[in-house]
Amino acid sequence: MVKYALYAVVLFLTIGITIARETLGQLGLDSNYLLMAVLALAVTSLLAHRNLFLIGLVSALCVIVNLPPDSLGGLQIDHDLLIAALLGITVLPMVHRVVVR
């Protein structure tokens, strides 16, 4: 039980907050901490019982999203596309489970 609680806290603090901050920034909403916490909690709950590969992929995309454009080595990657891929990877297992049922 404690293991899962610590796992959820780490997901919430790292991945959830990053996705919430970037998503709200791209939508043009100000940094409302309550809205950011609710969105981070939703993302954390979506990732809570997923496998390690999916969490690693989401973590890697979070790092890439937060990198400055100069450090990408001249690659022209659209920031909105990275956020859409990050949210798609996060929501895809839930959508797959609903469709298969």
PDB file of N, CA and C in Angstrom:
ATOM      1  N   MET A   1       0.825  -1.196   0.000  1.00  0.00           N
ATOM      2  CA  MET A   1       0.000   0.000   0.000  1.00  0.00           C
ATOM      3  C   MET A   1       0.866   1.255   0.000  1.00  0.00           C
ATOM      4  N   VAL A   2       1.888   1.278   0.824  1.00  0.00           N
ATOM      5  CA  VAL A   2       2.771   2.438   0.891  1.00  0.00           C
ATOM      6  C   VAL A   2       3.541   2.591  -0.414  1.00  0.00           C
ATOM      7  N   LYS A   3       3.886   1.453  -1.021  1.00  0.00           N
ATOM      8  CA  LYS A   3       4.607   1.488  -2.289  1.00  0.00           C
ATOM      9  C   LYS A   3       3.780   2.187  -3.360  1.00  0.00           C
ATOM     10  N   TYR A   4       2.504   1.871  -3.449  1.00  0.00           N
ATOM     11  CA  TYR A   4       1.651   2.501  -4.448  1.00  0.00           C
ATOM     12  C   TYR A   4       1.414   3.969  -4.143  1.00  0.00           C
ATOM     13  N   ALA A   5       1.343   4.330  -2.877  1.00  0.00           N
ATOM     14  CA  ALA A   5       1.174   5.734  -2.505  1.00  0.00           C
ATOM     15  C   ALA A   5       2.404   6.548  -2.902  1.00  0.00           C
ATOM     16  N   LEU A   6       3.589   6.020  -2.651  1.00  0.00           N
ATOM     17  CA  LEU A   6       4.806   6.720  -3.051  1.00  0.00           C
ATOM     18  C   LEU A   6       4.925   6.804  -4.570  1.00  0.00           C
ATOM     19  N   TYR A   7       4.528   5.744  -5.241  1.00  0.00           N
ATOM     20  CA  TYR A   7       4.535   5.715  -6.699  1.00  0.00           C
ATOM     21  C   TYR A   7       3.613   6.803  -7.262  1.00  0.00           C
ATOM     22  N   ALA A   8       2.436   6.951  -6.691  1.00  0.00           N
ATOM     23  CA  ALA A   8       1.479   7.964  -7.141  1.00  0.00           C
ATOM     24  C   ALA A   8       1.989   9.369  -6.848  1.00  0.00           C
ATOM     25  N   VAL A   9       2.632   9.565  -5.711  1.00  0.00           N
ATOM     26  CA  VAL A   9       3.163  10.889  -5.379  1.00  0.00           C
ATOM     27  C   VAL A   9       4.273  11.284  -6.341  1.00  0.00           C
ATOM     28  N   VAL A  10       5.148  10.345  -6.674  1.00  0.00           N
ATOM     29  CA  VAL A  10       6.225  10.641  -7.613  1.00  0.00           C
ATOM     30  C   VAL A  10       5.659  10.962  -8.992  1.00  0.00           C
ATOM     31  N   LEU A  11       4.686  10.175  -9.447  1.00  0.00           N
ATOM     32  CA  LEU A  11       4.049  10.463 -10.732  1.00  0.00           C
ATOM     33  C   LEU A  11       3.382  11.833 -10.724  1.00  0.00           C
ATOM     34  N   PHE A  12       2.701  12.153  -9.633  1.00  0.00           N
ATOM     35  CA  PHE A  12       1.999  13.423  -9.536  1.00  0.00           C
ATOM     36  C   PHE A  12       2.980  14.585  -9.590  1.00  0.00           C
ATOM     37  N   LEU A  13       4.063  14.491  -8.843  1.00  0.00           N
ATOM     38  CA  LEU A  13       4.996  15.605  -8.752  1.00  0.00           C
ATOM     39  C   LEU A  13       5.831  15.793 -10.012  1.00  0.00           C
ATOM     40  N   THR A  14       6.129  14.729 -10.724  1.00  0.00           N
ATOM     41  CA  THR A  14       6.993  14.876 -11.889  1.00  0.00           C
ATOM     42  C   THR A  14       6.196  14.979 -13.191  1.00  0.00           C
ATOM     43  N   ILE A  15       5.534  13.940 -13.522  1.00  0.00           N
ATOM     44  CA  ILE A  15       4.876  13.884 -14.829  1.00  0.00           C
ATOM     45  C   ILE A  15       3.577  14.676 -14.840  1.00  0.00           C
ATOM     46  N   GLY A  16       2.774  14.524 -13.805  1.00  0.00           N
ATOM     47  CA  GLY A  16       1.476  15.192 -13.783  1.00  0.00           C
ATOM     48  C   GLY A  16       1.570  16.694 -13.828  1.00  0.00           C
ATOM     49  N   ILE A  17       2.428  17.261 -13.014  1.00  0.00           N
ATOM     50  CA  ILE A  17       2.576  18.714 -12.988  1.00  0.00           C
ATOM     51  C   ILE A  17       3.154  19.226 -14.296  1.00  0.00           C
ATOM     52  N   THR A  18       4.102  18.504 -14.877  1.00  0.00           N
ATOM     53  CA  THR A  18       4.693  18.925 -16.147  1.00  0.00           C
ATOM     54  C   THR A  18       3.653  18.952 -17.252  1.00  0.00           C
ATOM     55  N   ILE A  19       2.875  17.892 -17.358  1.00  0.00           N
ATOM     56  CA  ILE A  19       1.850  17.839 -18.398  1.00  0.00           C
ATOM     57  C   ILE A  19       0.809  18.925 -18.164  1.00  0.00           C
ATOM     58  N   ALA A  20       0.397  19.114 -16.923  1.00  0.00           N
ATOM     59  CA  ALA A  20      -0.623  20.120 -16.631  1.00  0.00           C
ATOM     60  C   ALA A  20      -0.122  21.521 -16.956  1.00  0.00           C
ATOM     61  N   ARG A  21       1.092  21.833 -16.552  1.00  0.00           N
ATOM     62  CA  ARG A  21       1.624  23.177 -16.794  1.00  0.00           C
ATOM     63  C   ARG A  21       1.755  23.457 -18.285  1.00  0.00           C
ATOM     64  N   GLU A  22       2.308  22.505 -19.031  1.00  0.00           N
ATOM     65  CA  GLU A  22       2.496  22.699 -20.466  1.00  0.00           C
ATOM     66  C   GLU A  22       1.170  22.750 -21.215  1.00  0.00           C
ATOM     67  N   THR A  23       0.236  21.907 -20.835  1.00  0.00           N
ATOM     68  CA  THR A  23      -1.059  21.875 -21.511  1.00  0.00           C
ATOM     69  C   THR A  23      -1.835  23.164 -21.265  1.00  0.00           C
ATOM     70  N   LEU A  24      -1.874  23.597 -20.026  1.00  0.00           N
ATOM     71  CA  LEU A  24      -2.584  24.832 -19.722  1.00  0.00           C
ATOM     72  C   LEU A  24      -1.915  26.033 -20.369  1.00  0.00           C
ATOM     73  N   GLY A  25      -0.590  26.003 -20.466  1.00  0.00           N
ATOM     74  CA  GLY A  25       0.126  27.089 -21.140  1.00  0.00           C
ATOM     75  C   GLY A  25      -0.200  27.140 -22.621  1.00  0.00           C
ATOM     76  N   GLN A  26      -0.317  25.993 -23.262  1.00  0.00           N
ATOM     77  CA  GLN A  26      -0.633  25.969 -24.685  1.00  0.00           C
ATOM     78  C   GLN A  26      -2.081  26.345 -24.961  1.00  0.00           C
ATOM     79  N   LEU A  27      -2.955  26.104 -23.989  1.00  0.00           N
ATOM     80  CA  LEU A  27      -4.354  26.476 -24.160  1.00  0.00           C
ATOM     81  C   LEU A  27      -4.596  27.950 -23.867  1.00  0.00           C
ATOM     82  N   GLY A  28      -3.572  28.631 -23.375  1.00  0.00           N
ATOM     83  CA  GLY A  28      -3.691  30.055 -23.108  1.00  0.00           C
ATOM     84  C   GLY A  28      -4.283  30.376 -21.754  1.00  0.00           C
ATOM     85  N   LEU A  29      -4.394  29.391 -20.892  1.00  0.00           N
ATOM     86  CA  LEU A  29      -4.913  29.622 -19.552  1.00  0.00           C
ATOM     87  C   LEU A  29      -3.775  30.024 -18.631  1.00  0.00           C
ATOM     88  N   ASP A  30      -4.072  30.891 -17.687  1.00  0.00           N
ATOM     89  CA  ASP A  30      -3.035  31.308 -16.758  1.00  0.00           C
ATOM     90  C   ASP A  30      -2.694  30.179 -15.794  1.00  0.00           C
ATOM     91  N   SER A  31      -1.658  30.366 -15.020  1.00  0.00           N
ATOM     92  CA  SER A  31      -1.196  29.318 -14.102  1.00  0.00           C
ATOM     93  C   SER A  31      -2.047  29.297 -12.844  1.00  0.00           C
ATOM     94  N   ASN A  32      -3.239  28.791 -12.979  1.00  0.00           N
ATOM     95  CA  ASN A  32      -4.119  28.613 -11.839  1.00  0.00           C
ATOM     96  C   ASN A  32      -3.719  27.313 -11.163  1.00  0.00           C
ATOM     97  N   TYR A  33      -3.255  27.400  -9.921  1.00  0.00           N
ATOM     98  CA  TYR A  33      -2.709  26.225  -9.255  1.00  0.00           C
ATOM     99  C   TYR A  33      -3.768  25.166  -8.976  1.00  0.00           C
ATOM    100  N   LEU A  34      -4.986  25.551  -8.726  1.00  0.00           N
ATOM    101  CA  LEU A  34      -6.036  24.573  -8.494  1.00  0.00           C
ATOM    102  C   LEU A  34      -6.331  23.778  -9.761  1.00  0.00           C
ATOM    103  N   LEU A  35      -6.457  24.463 -10.878  1.00  0.00           N
ATOM    104  CA  LEU A  35      -6.701  23.797 -12.158  1.00  0.00           C
ATOM    105  C   LEU A  35      -5.518  22.905 -12.539  1.00  0.00           C
ATOM    106  N   MET A  36      -4.307  23.380 -12.273  1.00  0.00           N
ATOM    107  CA  MET A  36      -3.120  22.593 -12.570  1.00  0.00           C
ATOM    108  C   MET A  36      -3.077  21.338 -11.704  1.00  0.00           C
ATOM    109  N   ALA A  37      -3.443  21.440 -10.440  1.00  0.00           N
ATOM    110  CA  ALA A  37      -3.445  20.277  -9.551  1.00  0.00           C
ATOM    111  C   ALA A  37      -4.510  19.268  -9.959  1.00  0.00           C
ATOM    112  N   VAL A  38      -5.675  19.743 -10.386  1.00  0.00           N
ATOM    113  CA  VAL A  38      -6.745  18.832 -10.818  1.00  0.00           C
ATOM    114  C   VAL A  38      -6.333  18.094 -12.088  1.00  0.00           C
ATOM    115  N   LEU A  39      -5.751  18.797 -13.042  1.00  0.00           N
ATOM    116  CA  LEU A  39      -5.307  18.155 -14.278  1.00  0.00           C
ATOM    117  C   LEU A  39      -4.150  17.186 -14.005  1.00  0.00           C
ATOM    118  N   ALA A  40      -3.246  17.559 -13.112  1.00  0.00           N
ATOM    119  CA  ALA A  40      -2.147  16.662 -12.750  1.00  0.00           C
ATOM    120  C   ALA A  40      -2.663  15.411 -12.050  1.00  0.00           C
ATOM    121  N   LEU A  41      -3.674  15.560 -11.208  1.00  0.00           N
ATOM    122  CA  LEU A  41      -4.268  14.404 -10.539  1.00  0.00           C
ATOM    123  C   LEU A  41      -4.951  13.484 -11.546  1.00  0.00           C
ATOM    124  N   ALA A  42      -5.596  14.058 -12.554  1.00  0.00           N
ATOM    125  CA  ALA A  42      -6.237  13.247 -13.589  1.00  0.00           C
ATOM    126  C   ALA A  42      -5.204  12.463 -14.391  1.00  0.00           C
ATOM    127  N   VAL A  43      -4.110  13.111 -14.767  1.00  0.00           N
ATOM    128  CA  VAL A  43      -3.057  12.424 -15.521  1.00  0.00           C
ATOM    129  C   VAL A  43      -2.410  11.343 -14.671  1.00  0.00           C
ATOM    130  N   THR A  44      -2.183  11.643 -13.399  1.00  0.00           N
ATOM    131  CA  THR A  44      -1.594  10.652 -12.501  1.00  0.00           C
ATOM    132  C   THR A  44      -2.498   9.440 -12.346  1.00  0.00           C
ATOM    133  N   SER A  45      -3.788   9.668 -12.249  1.00  0.00           N
ATOM    134  CA  SER A  45      -4.704   8.531 -12.117  1.00  0.00           C
ATOM    135  C   SER A  45      -4.750   7.701 -13.392  1.00  0.00           C
ATOM    136  N   LEU A  46      -4.560   8.337 -14.543  1.00  0.00           N
ATOM    137  CA  LEU A  46      -4.518   7.579 -15.793  1.00  0.00           C
ATOM    138  C   LEU A  46      -3.251   6.722 -15.901  1.00  0.00           C
ATOM    139  N   LEU A  47      -2.162   7.181 -15.291  1.00  0.00           N
ATOM    140  CA  LEU A  47      -0.894   6.459 -15.378  1.00  0.00           C
ATOM    141  C   LEU A  47      -0.610   5.571 -14.179  1.00  0.00           C
ATOM    142  N   ALA A  48      -1.513   5.508 -13.222  1.00  0.00           N
ATOM    143  CA  ALA A  48      -1.225   4.853 -11.941  1.00  0.00           C
ATOM    144  C   ALA A  48      -0.914   3.370 -12.078  1.00  0.00           C
ATOM    145  N   HIS A  49      -1.648   2.644 -12.858  1.00  0.00           N
ATOM    146  CA  HIS A  49      -1.447   1.195 -12.937  1.00  0.00           C
ATOM    147  C   HIS A  49      -0.990   0.759 -14.325  1.00  0.00           C
ATOM    148  N   ARG A  50      -0.168   1.548 -14.946  1.00  0.00           N
ATOM    149  CA  ARG A  50       0.362   1.196 -16.266  1.00  0.00           C
ATOM    150  C   ARG A  50       1.725   0.553 -16.117  1.00  0.00           C
ATOM    151  N   ASN A  51       2.207  -0.033 -17.207  1.00  0.00           N
ATOM    152  CA  ASN A  51       3.497  -0.711 -17.144  1.00  0.00           C
ATOM    153  C   ASN A  51       4.649   0.290 -17.176  1.00  0.00           C
ATOM    154  N   LEU A  52       5.823  -0.196 -16.880  1.00  0.00           N
ATOM    155  CA  LEU A  52       6.992   0.654 -16.742  1.00  0.00           C
ATOM    156  C   LEU A  52       7.405   1.265 -18.074  1.00  0.00           C
ATOM    157  N   PHE A  53       7.187   0.570 -19.180  1.00  0.00           N
ATOM    158  CA  PHE A  53       7.540   1.098 -20.493  1.00  0.00           C
ATOM    159  C   PHE A  53       6.739   2.359 -20.814  1.00  0.00           C
ATOM    160  N   LEU A  54       5.449   2.339 -20.549  1.00  0.00           N
ATOM    161  CA  LEU A  54       4.600   3.498 -20.825  1.00  0.00           C
ATOM    162  C   LEU A  54       4.998   4.681 -19.953  1.00  0.00           C
ATOM    163  N   ILE A  55       5.280   4.434 -18.701  1.00  0.00           N
ATOM    164  CA  ILE A  55       5.679   5.515 -17.803  1.00  0.00           C
ATOM    165  C   ILE A  55       7.039   6.075 -18.216  1.00  0.00           C
ATOM    166  N   GLY A  56       7.934   5.217 -18.655  1.00  0.00           N
ATOM    167  CA  GLY A  56       9.233   5.684 -19.151  1.00  0.00           C
ATOM    168  C   GLY A  56       9.099   6.518 -20.413  1.00  0.00           C
ATOM    169  N   LEU A  57       8.209   6.103 -21.308  1.00  0.00           N
ATOM    170  CA  LEU A  57       7.969   6.858 -22.532  1.00  0.00           C
ATOM    171  C   LEU A  57       7.377   8.221 -22.223  1.00  0.00           C
ATOM    172  N   VAL A  58       6.424   8.279 -21.313  1.00  0.00           N
ATOM    173  CA  VAL A  58       5.827   9.558 -20.920  1.00  0.00           C
ATOM    174  C   VAL A  58       6.864  10.433 -20.230  1.00  0.00           C
ATOM    175  N   SER A  59       7.713   9.849 -19.413  1.00  0.00           N
ATOM    176  CA  SER A  59       8.772  10.619 -18.743  1.00  0.00           C
ATOM    177  C   SER A  59       9.753  11.196 -19.753  1.00  0.00           C
ATOM    178  N   ALA A  60      10.135  10.406 -20.745  1.00  0.00           N
ATOM    179  CA  ALA A  60      11.057  10.889 -21.774  1.00  0.00           C
ATOM    180  C   ALA A  60      10.428  12.030 -22.570  1.00  0.00           C
ATOM    181  N   LEU A  61       9.157  11.912 -22.909  1.00  0.00           N
ATOM    182  CA  LEU A  61       8.485  12.992 -23.623  1.00  0.00           C
ATOM    183  C   LEU A  61       8.362  14.244 -22.766  1.00  0.00           C
ATOM    184  N   CYS A  62       8.171  14.085 -21.462  1.00  0.00           N
ATOM    185  CA  CYS A  62       8.128  15.242 -20.561  1.00  0.00           C
ATOM    186  C   CYS A  62       9.459  15.975 -20.554  1.00  0.00           C
ATOM    187  N   VAL A  63      10.535  15.218 -20.571  1.00  0.00           N
ATOM    188  CA  VAL A  63      11.856  15.847 -20.610  1.00  0.00           C
ATOM    189  C   VAL A  63      12.054  16.588 -21.920  1.00  0.00           C
ATOM    190  N   ILE A  64      11.665  15.980 -23.032  1.00  0.00           N
ATOM    191  CA  ILE A  64      11.823  16.614 -24.342  1.00  0.00           C
ATOM    192  C   ILE A  64      10.964  17.865 -24.450  1.00  0.00           C
ATOM    193  N   VAL A  65       9.763  17.832 -23.906  1.00  0.00           N
ATOM    194  CA  VAL A  65       8.886  19.004 -23.947  1.00  0.00           C
ATOM    195  C   VAL A  65       9.498  20.167 -23.171  1.00  0.00           C
ATOM    196  N   ASN A  66      10.168  19.881 -22.076  1.00  0.00           N
ATOM    197  CA  ASN A  66      10.732  20.934 -21.241  1.00  0.00           C
ATOM    198  C   ASN A  66      12.097  21.422 -21.689  1.00  0.00           C
ATOM    199  N   LEU A  67      12.707  20.772 -22.680  1.00  0.00           N
ATOM    200  CA  LEU A  67      14.002  21.226 -23.172  1.00  0.00           C
ATOM    201  C   LEU A  67      13.846  22.515 -23.964  1.00  0.00           C
ATOM    202  N   PRO A  68      14.826  23.402 -23.883  1.00  0.00           N
ATOM    203  CA  PRO A  68      14.784  24.589 -24.751  1.00  0.00           C
ATOM    204  C   PRO A  68      15.015  24.183 -26.208  1.00  0.00           C
ATOM    205  N   PRO A  69      14.476  24.945 -27.141  1.00  0.00           N
ATOM    206  CA  PRO A  69      14.595  24.557 -28.563  1.00  0.00           C
ATOM    207  C   PRO A  69      16.038  24.458 -29.050  1.00  0.00           C
ATOM    208  N   ASP A  70      16.967  25.188 -28.448  1.00  0.00           N
ATOM    209  CA  ASP A  70      18.358  25.139 -28.892  1.00  0.00           C
ATOM    210  C   ASP A  70      19.034  23.820 -28.562  1.00  0.00           C
ATOM    211  N   SER A  71      18.578  23.139 -27.532  1.00  0.00           N
ATOM    212  CA  SER A  71      19.243  21.906 -27.105  1.00  0.00           C
ATOM    213  C   SER A  71      18.762  20.672 -27.858  1.00  0.00           C
ATOM    214  N   LEU A  72      17.844  20.822 -28.781  1.00  0.00           N
ATOM    215  CA  LEU A  72      17.360  19.675 -29.557  1.00  0.00           C
ATOM    216  C   LEU A  72      18.251  19.351 -30.750  1.00  0.00           C
ATOM    217  N   GLY A  73      19.353  20.043 -30.888  1.00  0.00           N
ATOM    218  CA  GLY A  73      20.303  19.723 -31.947  1.00  0.00           C
ATOM    219  C   GLY A  73      19.846  20.151 -33.321  1.00  0.00           C
ATOM    220  N   GLY A  74      19.112  21.221 -33.426  1.00  0.00           N
ATOM    221  CA  GLY A  74      18.670  21.718 -34.718  1.00  0.00           C
ATOM    222  C   GLY A  74      17.414  21.051 -35.249  1.00  0.00           C
ATOM    223  N   LEU A  75      16.839  20.123 -34.521  1.00  0.00           N
ATOM    224  CA  LEU A  75      15.605  19.484 -34.962  1.00  0.00           C
ATOM    225  C   LEU A  75      14.437  20.458 -34.805  1.00  0.00           C
ATOM    226  N   GLN A  76      13.614  20.534 -35.799  1.00  0.00           N
ATOM    227  CA  GLN A  76      12.448  21.399 -35.758  1.00  0.00           C
ATOM    228  C   GLN A  76      11.231  20.573 -35.359  1.00  0.00           C
ATOM    229  N   ILE A  77      11.047  20.396 -34.061  1.00  0.00           N
ATOM    230  CA  ILE A  77       9.925  19.620 -33.541  1.00  0.00           C
ATOM    231  C   ILE A  77       8.897  20.599 -32.991  1.00  0.00           C
ATOM    232  N   ASP A  78       7.665  20.475 -33.432  1.00  0.00           N
ATOM    233  CA  ASP A  78       6.611  21.358 -32.971  1.00  0.00           C
ATOM    234  C   ASP A  78       6.255  21.041 -31.518  1.00  0.00           C
ATOM    235  N   HIS A  79       6.225  22.080 -30.711  1.00  0.00           N
ATOM    236  CA  HIS A  79       5.936  21.922 -29.286  1.00  0.00           C
ATOM    237  C   HIS A  79       4.509  21.401 -29.065  1.00  0.00           C
ATOM    238  N   ASP A  80       3.575  21.879 -29.853  1.00  0.00           N
ATOM    239  CA  ASP A  80       2.187  21.420 -29.736  1.00  0.00           C
ATOM    240  C   ASP A  80       2.059  19.944 -30.101  1.00  0.00           C
ATOM    241  N   LEU A  81       2.815  19.510 -31.073  1.00  0.00           N
ATOM    242  CA  LEU A  81       2.795  18.104 -31.475  1.00  0.00           C
ATOM    243  C   LEU A  81       3.338  17.207 -30.368  1.00  0.00           C
ATOM    244  N   LEU A  82       4.372  17.661 -29.684  1.00  0.00           N
ATOM    245  CA  LEU A  82       4.910  16.882 -28.569  1.00  0.00           C
ATOM    246  C   LEU A  82       3.899  16.765 -27.432  1.00  0.00           C
ATOM    247  N   ILE A  83       3.205  17.849 -27.134  1.00  0.00           N
ATOM    248  CA  ILE A  83       2.196  17.807 -26.074  1.00  0.00           C
ATOM    249  C   ILE A  83       1.034  16.914 -26.481  1.00  0.00           C
ATOM    250  N   ALA A  84       0.627  16.973 -27.742  1.00  0.00           N
ATOM    251  CA  ALA A  84      -0.450  16.103 -28.217  1.00  0.00           C
ATOM    252  C   ALA A  84      -0.031  14.636 -28.153  1.00  0.00           C
ATOM    253  N   ALA A  85       1.208  14.329 -28.505  1.00  0.00           N
ATOM    254  CA  ALA A  85       1.699  12.956 -28.405  1.00  0.00           C
ATOM    255  C   ALA A  85       1.741  12.495 -26.957  1.00  0.00           C
ATOM    256  N   LEU A  86       2.148  13.374 -26.076  1.00  0.00           N
ATOM    257  CA  LEU A  86       2.202  13.051 -24.651  1.00  0.00           C
ATOM    258  C   LEU A  86       0.822  12.759 -24.089  1.00  0.00           C
ATOM    259  N   LEU A  87      -0.136  13.585 -24.422  1.00  0.00           N
ATOM    260  CA  LEU A  87      -1.503  13.345 -23.957  1.00  0.00           C
ATOM    261  C   LEU A  87      -2.123  12.126 -24.629  1.00  0.00           C
ATOM    262  N   GLY A  88      -1.803  11.911 -25.903  1.00  0.00           N
ATOM    263  CA  GLY A  88      -2.312  10.729 -26.594  1.00  0.00           C
ATOM    264  C   GLY A  88      -1.797   9.436 -25.999  1.00  0.00           C
ATOM    265  N   ILE A  89      -0.515   9.407 -25.680  1.00  0.00           N
ATOM    266  CA  ILE A  89       0.060   8.215 -25.061  1.00  0.00           C
ATOM    267  C   ILE A  89      -0.531   7.989 -23.681  1.00  0.00           C
ATOM    268  N   THR A  90      -0.853   9.060 -22.983  1.00  0.00           N
ATOM    269  CA  THR A  90      -1.424   8.938 -21.647  1.00  0.00           C
ATOM    270  C   THR A  90      -2.851   8.408 -21.695  1.00  0.00           C
ATOM    271  N   VAL A  91      -3.636   8.857 -22.663  1.00  0.00           N
ATOM    272  CA  VAL A  91      -5.057   8.507 -22.727  1.00  0.00           C
ATOM    273  C   VAL A  91      -5.304   7.225 -23.524  1.00  0.00           C
ATOM    274  N   LEU A  92      -4.382   6.831 -24.383  1.00  0.00           N
ATOM    275  CA  LEU A  92      -4.586   5.686 -25.272  1.00  0.00           C
ATOM    276  C   LEU A  92      -4.940   4.378 -24.556  1.00  0.00           C
ATOM    277  N   PRO A  93      -4.277   3.987 -23.460  1.00  0.00           N
ATOM    278  CA  PRO A  93      -4.666   2.725 -22.810  1.00  0.00           C
ATOM    279  C   PRO A  93      -6.100   2.737 -22.280  1.00  0.00           C
ATOM    280  N   MET A  94      -6.555   3.874 -21.787  1.00  0.00           N
ATOM    281  CA  MET A  94      -7.930   3.957 -21.291  1.00  0.00           C
ATOM    282  C   MET A  94      -8.926   3.833 -22.448  1.00  0.00           C
ATOM    283  N   VAL A  95      -8.651   4.491 -23.554  1.00  0.00           N
ATOM    284  CA  VAL A  95      -9.532   4.403 -24.720  1.00  0.00           C
ATOM    285  C   VAL A  95      -9.538   2.979 -25.268  1.00  0.00           C
ATOM    286  N   HIS A  96      -8.391   2.335 -25.301  1.00  0.00           N
ATOM    287  CA  HIS A  96      -8.318   0.954 -25.779  1.00  0.00           C
ATOM    288  C   HIS A  96      -9.155   0.024 -24.903  1.00  0.00           C
ATOM    289  N   ARG A  97      -9.081   0.211 -23.602  1.00  0.00           N
ATOM    290  CA  ARG A  97      -9.859  -0.634 -22.684  1.00  0.00           C
ATOM    291  C   ARG A  97     -11.349  -0.422 -22.882  1.00  0.00           C
ATOM    292  N   VAL A  98     -11.775   0.808 -23.133  1.00  0.00           N
ATOM    293  CA  VAL A  98     -13.205   1.083 -23.337  1.00  0.00           C
ATOM    294  C   VAL A  98     -13.681   0.489 -24.657  1.00  0.00           C
ATOM    295  N   VAL A  99     -12.861   0.578 -25.698  1.00  0.00           N
ATOM    296  CA  VAL A  99     -13.262   0.069 -27.011  1.00  0.00           C
ATOM    297  C   VAL A  99     -13.301  -1.455 -27.027  1.00  0.00           C
ATOM    298  N   VAL A 100     -12.371  -2.107 -26.351  1.00  0.00           N
ATOM    299  CA  VAL A 100     -12.321  -3.568 -26.363  1.00  0.00           C
ATOM    300  C   VAL A 100     -13.496  -4.173 -25.633  1.00  0.00           C
ATOM    301  N   ARG A 101     -13.984  -3.508 -24.616  1.00  0.00           N
ATOM    302  CA  ARG A 101     -15.137  -4.041 -23.867  1.00  0.00           C
ATOM    303  C   ARG A 101     -16.294  -4.053 -24.748  1.00  0.00           C
TER     304      ARG A 101
END
